[in-house]
Amino acid sequence: MKKNAIVFFSLISTFSVSAQEVISTQGDSYANANGSLDFTIGETIINTETDGVTTLTQGFHQSSWNFVGLEDHSPELTASVFPNPMDADLTVQVPAFENLSYSLYDGQGKLVSTAPLLSESTIIEVQDLAPGNYSISLHAENEALKTFKLIKTN
C-alpha cells in the first residue's frame, strides 16, 4: 500500500498546473505602414483570427487594448453610491441633487441607463444587469462631476 501511494504521488508531482501566466524576460511591439508585430518571448501558444470586423486573439499578449478611464471632476460634490458590489439595487445619495443626472456604463464604456436624480436618495434597479464591472457617472447637463467604479454580482 505504501509503495502504491509513493508511486501515485510521484506521478502526480510530475504534472504541473498553470493557467493564464507567462514568465517572460522580453517582448515588444513594432509597427510600420505594412503591418504590426507584437510578441512575448516565452509565450508558447498564440493565435489571432479575424473576419474583417471582429478580431479574436489567443494568448497572454493581446494585440490591442481598450482603456476606460475614470476621472474625479468635482471633488467638492458630496455623493455616496452603495452597496458595492451591487446585487439587486444600487443607491445613489447626493445631498445637492438638484439638476443632476446619472449615467450607468458597463465595463466596455457602453451606456446602460441614464436618468435624472429626483431626490437625495435614488434607488436604481440593477438585478437584470449581467455580472461584471460598471461605472456610474454623476453629471450636471453634459459635464461629468464624479464617477464611481462598481462591481455587479449575481
C-alpha atoms as a PDB file:
ATOM      1  CA  MET A   1       0.000   0.000   0.000  1.00  0.00           C
ATOM      2  CA  LYS A   2       2.837   2.367   0.897  1.00  0.00           C
ATOM      3  CA  LYS A   3       4.543   1.599  -2.421  1.00  0.00           C
ATOM      4  CA  ASN A   4       1.325   2.408  -4.357  1.00  0.00           C
ATOM      5  CA  ALA A   5       0.978   5.725  -2.544  1.00  0.00           C
ATOM      6  CA  ILE A   6       4.579   6.682  -3.302  1.00  0.00           C
ATOM      7  CA  VAL A   7       4.145   5.801  -6.991  1.00  0.00           C
ATOM      8  CA  PHE A   8       0.847   7.707  -7.149  1.00  0.00           C
ATOM      9  CA  PHE A   9       2.251  10.892  -5.584  1.00  0.00           C
ATOM     10  CA  SER A  10       5.401  10.639  -7.706  1.00  0.00           C
ATOM     11  CA  LEU A  11       3.292  10.578 -10.858  1.00  0.00           C
ATOM     12  CA  ILE A  12       1.074  13.428  -9.660  1.00  0.00           C
ATOM     13  CA  SER A  13       4.063  15.601  -8.782  1.00  0.00           C
ATOM     14  CA  THR A  14       5.413  15.331 -12.326  1.00  0.00           C
ATOM     15  CA  PHE A  15       2.366  17.154 -13.712  1.00  0.00           C
ATOM     16  CA  SER A  16       2.200  20.879 -13.240  1.00  0.00           C
ATOM     17  CA  VAL A  17      -0.883  23.016 -13.489  1.00  0.00           C
ATOM     18  CA  SER A  18      -0.641  26.587 -14.622  1.00  0.00           C
ATOM     19  CA  ALA A  19      -3.162  28.976 -16.047  1.00  0.00           C
ATOM     20  CA  GLN A  20      -3.019  32.440 -17.524  1.00  0.00           C
ATOM     21  CA  GLU A  21       0.575  33.176 -16.715  1.00  0.00           C
ATOM     22  CA  VAL A  22       3.767  33.628 -18.606  1.00  0.00           C
ATOM     23  CA  ILE A  23       7.233  34.204 -17.231  1.00  0.00           C
ATOM     24  CA  SER A  24       8.823  36.408 -19.802  1.00  0.00           C
ATOM     25  CA  THR A  25      12.011  38.419 -19.925  1.00  0.00           C
ATOM     26  CA  GLN A  26      11.442  40.061 -23.275  1.00  0.00           C
ATOM     27  CA  GLY A  27       8.715  41.239 -25.620  1.00  0.00           C
ATOM     28  CA  ASP A  28       7.949  44.199 -27.816  1.00  0.00           C
ATOM     29  CA  SER A  29       5.689  45.748 -30.439  1.00  0.00           C
ATOM     30  CA  TYR A  30       6.718  47.087 -33.836  1.00  0.00           C
ATOM     31  CA  ALA A  31       4.582  48.779 -36.485  1.00  0.00           C
ATOM     32  CA  ASN A  32       5.036  50.346 -39.891  1.00  0.00           C
ATOM     33  CA  ALA A  33       2.847  51.159 -42.878  1.00  0.00           C
ATOM     34  CA  ASN A  34       2.659  47.486 -43.898  1.00  0.00           C
ATOM     35  CA  GLY A  35       1.561  45.989 -40.575  1.00  0.00           C
ATOM     36  CA  SER A  36       2.480  45.352 -36.974  1.00  0.00           C
ATOM     37  CA  LEU A  37       4.324  42.738 -34.950  1.00  0.00           C
ATOM     38  CA  ASP A  38       3.613  42.065 -31.256  1.00  0.00           C
ATOM     39  CA  PHE A  39       5.441  39.349 -29.362  1.00  0.00           C
ATOM     40  CA  THR A  40       6.354  37.958 -25.970  1.00  0.00           C
ATOM     41  CA  ILE A  41       9.300  35.571 -25.699  1.00  0.00           C
ATOM     42  CA  GLY A  42       8.227  32.559 -23.661  1.00  0.00           C
ATOM     43  CA  GLU A  43       4.624  32.526 -24.818  1.00  0.00           C
ATOM     44  CA  THR A  44       4.099  29.082 -26.302  1.00  0.00           C
ATOM     45  CA  ILE A  45       0.680  29.279 -27.968  1.00  0.00           C
ATOM     46  CA  ILE A  46      -0.847  32.326 -29.618  1.00  0.00           C
ATOM     47  CA  ASN A  47      -3.301  32.779 -32.425  1.00  0.00           C
ATOM     48  CA  THR A  48      -5.310  35.635 -33.914  1.00  0.00           C
ATOM     49  CA  GLU A  49      -8.398  35.096 -36.038  1.00  0.00           C
ATOM     50  CA  THR A  50     -10.381  37.834 -37.755  1.00  0.00           C
ATOM     51  CA  ASP A  51     -13.362  38.058 -40.066  1.00  0.00           C
ATOM     52  CA  GLY A  52     -12.654  41.665 -41.013  1.00  0.00           C
ATOM     53  CA  VAL A  53     -14.926  43.107 -38.322  1.00  0.00           C
ATOM     54  CA  THR A  54     -14.132  41.161 -35.168  1.00  0.00           C
ATOM     55  CA  THR A  55     -10.670  40.074 -34.032  1.00  0.00           C
ATOM     56  CA  LEU A  56     -10.141  37.186 -31.612  1.00  0.00           C
ATOM     57  CA  THR A  57      -6.723  36.780 -30.012  1.00  0.00           C
ATOM     58  CA  GLN A  58      -5.469  33.815 -28.011  1.00  0.00           C
ATOM     59  CA  GLY A  59      -2.550  34.070 -25.665  1.00  0.00           C
ATOM     60  CA  PHE A  60      -1.210  36.294 -22.944  1.00  0.00           C
ATOM     61  CA  HIS A  61      -0.014  39.113 -25.190  1.00  0.00           C
ATOM     62  CA  GLN A  62      -3.026  40.878 -26.643  1.00  0.00           C
ATOM     63  CA  SER A  63      -2.578  42.966 -29.769  1.00  0.00           C
ATOM     64  CA  SER A  64      -4.954  45.761 -28.782  1.00  0.00           C
ATOM     65  CA  TRP A  65      -6.156  47.362 -25.590  1.00  0.00           C
ATOM     66  CA  ASN A  66      -9.347  49.227 -24.755  1.00  0.00           C
ATOM     67  CA  PHE A  67      -8.842  51.595 -21.831  1.00  0.00           C
ATOM     68  CA  VAL A  68     -11.744  53.104 -19.925  1.00  0.00           C
ATOM     69  CA  GLY A  69     -10.573  55.929 -17.666  1.00  0.00           C
ATOM     70  CA  LEU A  70     -12.329  57.395 -14.646  1.00  0.00           C
ATOM     71  CA  GLU A  71     -11.777  60.970 -13.547  1.00  0.00           C
ATOM     72  CA  ASP A  72     -12.886  62.786 -10.403  1.00  0.00           C
ATOM     73  CA  HIS A  73     -14.017  66.061 -11.981  1.00  0.00           C
ATOM     74  CA  SER A  74     -15.612  67.723  -8.962  1.00  0.00           C
ATOM     75  CA  PRO A  75     -14.138  66.686  -5.606  1.00  0.00           C
ATOM     76  CA  GLU A  76     -16.388  69.177  -3.793  1.00  0.00           C
ATOM     77  CA  LEU A  77     -19.535  67.223  -4.772  1.00  0.00           C
ATOM     78  CA  THR A  78     -20.578  65.029  -1.849  1.00  0.00           C
ATOM     79  CA  ALA A  79     -22.019  61.744  -3.088  1.00  0.00           C
ATOM     80  CA  SER A  80     -22.307  58.127  -1.926  1.00  0.00           C
ATOM     81  CA  VAL A  81     -23.007  55.085  -4.081  1.00  0.00           C
ATOM     82  CA  PHE A  82     -23.708  51.772  -2.331  1.00  0.00           C
ATOM     83  CA  PRO A  83     -23.656  48.798  -1.950  1.00  0.00           C
ATOM     84  CA  ASN A  84     -20.550  47.883  -3.866  1.00  0.00           C
ATOM     85  CA  PRO A  85     -20.525  45.105  -5.006  1.00  0.00           C
ATOM     86  CA  MET A  86     -24.162  45.530  -6.030  1.00  0.00           C
ATOM     87  CA  ASP A  87     -26.737  42.789  -6.476  1.00  0.00           C
ATOM     88  CA  ALA A  88     -30.354  43.911  -6.947  1.00  0.00           C
ATOM     89  CA  ASP A  89     -30.463  47.630  -6.101  1.00  0.00           C
ATOM     90  CA  LEU A  90     -27.953  50.466  -6.185  1.00  0.00           C
ATOM     91  CA  THR A  91     -28.475  53.545  -4.007  1.00  0.00           C
ATOM     92  CA  VAL A  92     -27.126  56.950  -5.022  1.00  0.00           C
ATOM     93  CA  GLN A  93     -27.156  59.558  -2.246  1.00  0.00           C
ATOM     94  CA  VAL A  94     -26.416  63.165  -3.171  1.00  0.00           C
ATOM     95  CA  PRO A  95     -27.479  65.944  -0.753  1.00  0.00           C
ATOM     96  CA  ALA A  96     -27.349  68.588  -3.529  1.00  0.00           C
ATOM     97  CA  PHE A  97     -29.218  66.525  -6.144  1.00  0.00           C
ATOM     98  CA  GLU A  98     -30.925  69.395  -7.993  1.00  0.00           C
ATOM     99  CA  ASN A  99     -30.183  69.467 -11.742  1.00  0.00           C
ATOM    100  CA  LEU A 100     -28.062  66.292 -11.520  1.00  0.00           C
ATOM    101  CA  SER A 101     -28.382  63.094 -13.534  1.00  0.00           C
ATOM    102  CA  TYR A 102     -26.644  59.740 -13.505  1.00  0.00           C
ATOM    103  CA  SER A 103     -25.337  57.587 -16.334  1.00  0.00           C
ATOM    104  CA  LEU A 104     -24.540  53.913 -15.750  1.00  0.00           C
ATOM    105  CA  TYR A 105     -21.911  52.348 -18.055  1.00  0.00           C
ATOM    106  CA  ASP A 106     -20.780  48.742 -18.480  1.00  0.00           C
ATOM    107  CA  GLY A 107     -17.137  47.655 -18.391  1.00  0.00           C
ATOM    108  CA  GLN A 108     -16.686  48.459 -22.090  1.00  0.00           C
ATOM    109  CA  GLY A 109     -17.938  52.020 -21.660  1.00  0.00           C
ATOM    110  CA  LYS A 110     -21.359  51.437 -23.231  1.00  0.00           C
ATOM    111  CA  LEU A 111     -24.262  53.395 -21.746  1.00  0.00           C
ATOM    112  CA  VAL A 112     -26.618  51.070 -19.830  1.00  0.00           C
ATOM    113  CA  SER A 113     -29.053  53.602 -18.353  1.00  0.00           C
ATOM    114  CA  THR A 114     -29.387  57.287 -17.605  1.00  0.00           C
ATOM    115  CA  ALA A 115     -31.927  59.304 -15.620  1.00  0.00           C
ATOM    116  CA  PRO A 116     -32.211  62.453 -13.515  1.00  0.00           C
ATOM    117  CA  LEU A 117     -31.740  62.291  -9.743  1.00  0.00           C
ATOM    118  CA  LEU A 118     -35.165  63.119  -8.279  1.00  0.00           C
ATOM    119  CA  SER A 119     -34.285  63.138  -4.576  1.00  0.00           C
ATOM    120  CA  GLU A 120     -31.349  62.992  -2.176  1.00  0.00           C
ATOM    121  CA  SER A 121     -31.544  59.189  -2.305  1.00  0.00           C
ATOM    122  CA  THR A 122     -32.163  57.485  -5.651  1.00  0.00           C
ATOM    123  CA  ILE A 123     -32.515  53.702  -5.962  1.00  0.00           C
ATOM    124  CA  ILE A 124     -31.529  52.132  -9.277  1.00  0.00           C
ATOM    125  CA  GLU A 125     -32.671  48.575 -10.025  1.00  0.00           C
ATOM    126  CA  VAL A 126     -29.714  46.548 -11.324  1.00  0.00           C
ATOM    127  CA  GLN A 127     -30.899  42.945 -10.875  1.00  0.00           C
ATOM    128  CA  ASP A 128     -31.274  42.468 -14.656  1.00  0.00           C
ATOM    129  CA  LEU A 129     -27.680  43.509 -15.382  1.00  0.00           C
ATOM    130  CA  ALA A 130     -25.084  40.860 -16.162  1.00  0.00           C
ATOM    131  CA  PRO A 131     -22.372  40.325 -13.531  1.00  0.00           C
ATOM    132  CA  GLY A 132     -19.282  42.399 -14.254  1.00  0.00           C
ATOM    133  CA  ASN A 133     -17.663  45.801 -13.892  1.00  0.00           C
ATOM    134  CA  TYR A 134     -19.654  49.001 -14.231  1.00  0.00           C
ATOM    135  CA  SER A 135     -19.216  52.703 -13.578  1.00  0.00           C
ATOM    136  CA  ILE A 136     -21.729  55.369 -12.664  1.00  0.00           C
ATOM    137  CA  SER A 137     -21.173  58.993 -13.559  1.00  0.00           C
ATOM    138  CA  LEU A 138     -22.967  61.877 -11.852  1.00  0.00           C
ATOM    139  CA  HIS A 139     -23.306  64.883 -14.111  1.00  0.00           C
ATOM    140  CA  ALA A 140     -24.910  68.303 -14.478  1.00  0.00           C
ATOM    141  CA  GLU A 141     -26.030  68.979 -18.052  1.00  0.00           C
ATOM    142  CA  ASN A 142     -23.166  67.495 -20.115  1.00  0.00           C
ATOM    143  CA  GLU A 143     -20.403  67.932 -17.517  1.00  0.00           C
ATOM    144  CA  ALA A 144     -19.304  64.871 -15.532  1.00  0.00           C
ATOM    145  CA  LEU A 145     -18.855  65.735 -11.848  1.00  0.00           C
ATOM    146  CA  LYS A 146     -17.999  62.428 -10.198  1.00  0.00           C
ATOM    147  CA  THR A 147     -17.564  58.824 -11.336  1.00  0.00           C
ATOM    148  CA  PHE A 148     -17.622  55.638  -9.241  1.00  0.00           C
ATOM    149  CA  LYS A 149     -16.408  52.137 -10.157  1.00  0.00           C
ATOM    150  CA  LEU A 150     -18.897  49.349  -9.390  1.00  0.00           C
ATOM    151  CA  ILE A 151     -18.989  45.554  -9.386  1.00  0.00           C
ATOM    152  CA  LYS A 152     -22.195  43.631 -10.169  1.00  0.00           C
ATOM    153  CA  THR A 153     -22.630  40.160  -8.684  1.00  0.00           C
ATOM    154  CA  ASN A 154     -25.488  37.653  -9.039  1.00  0.00           C
END
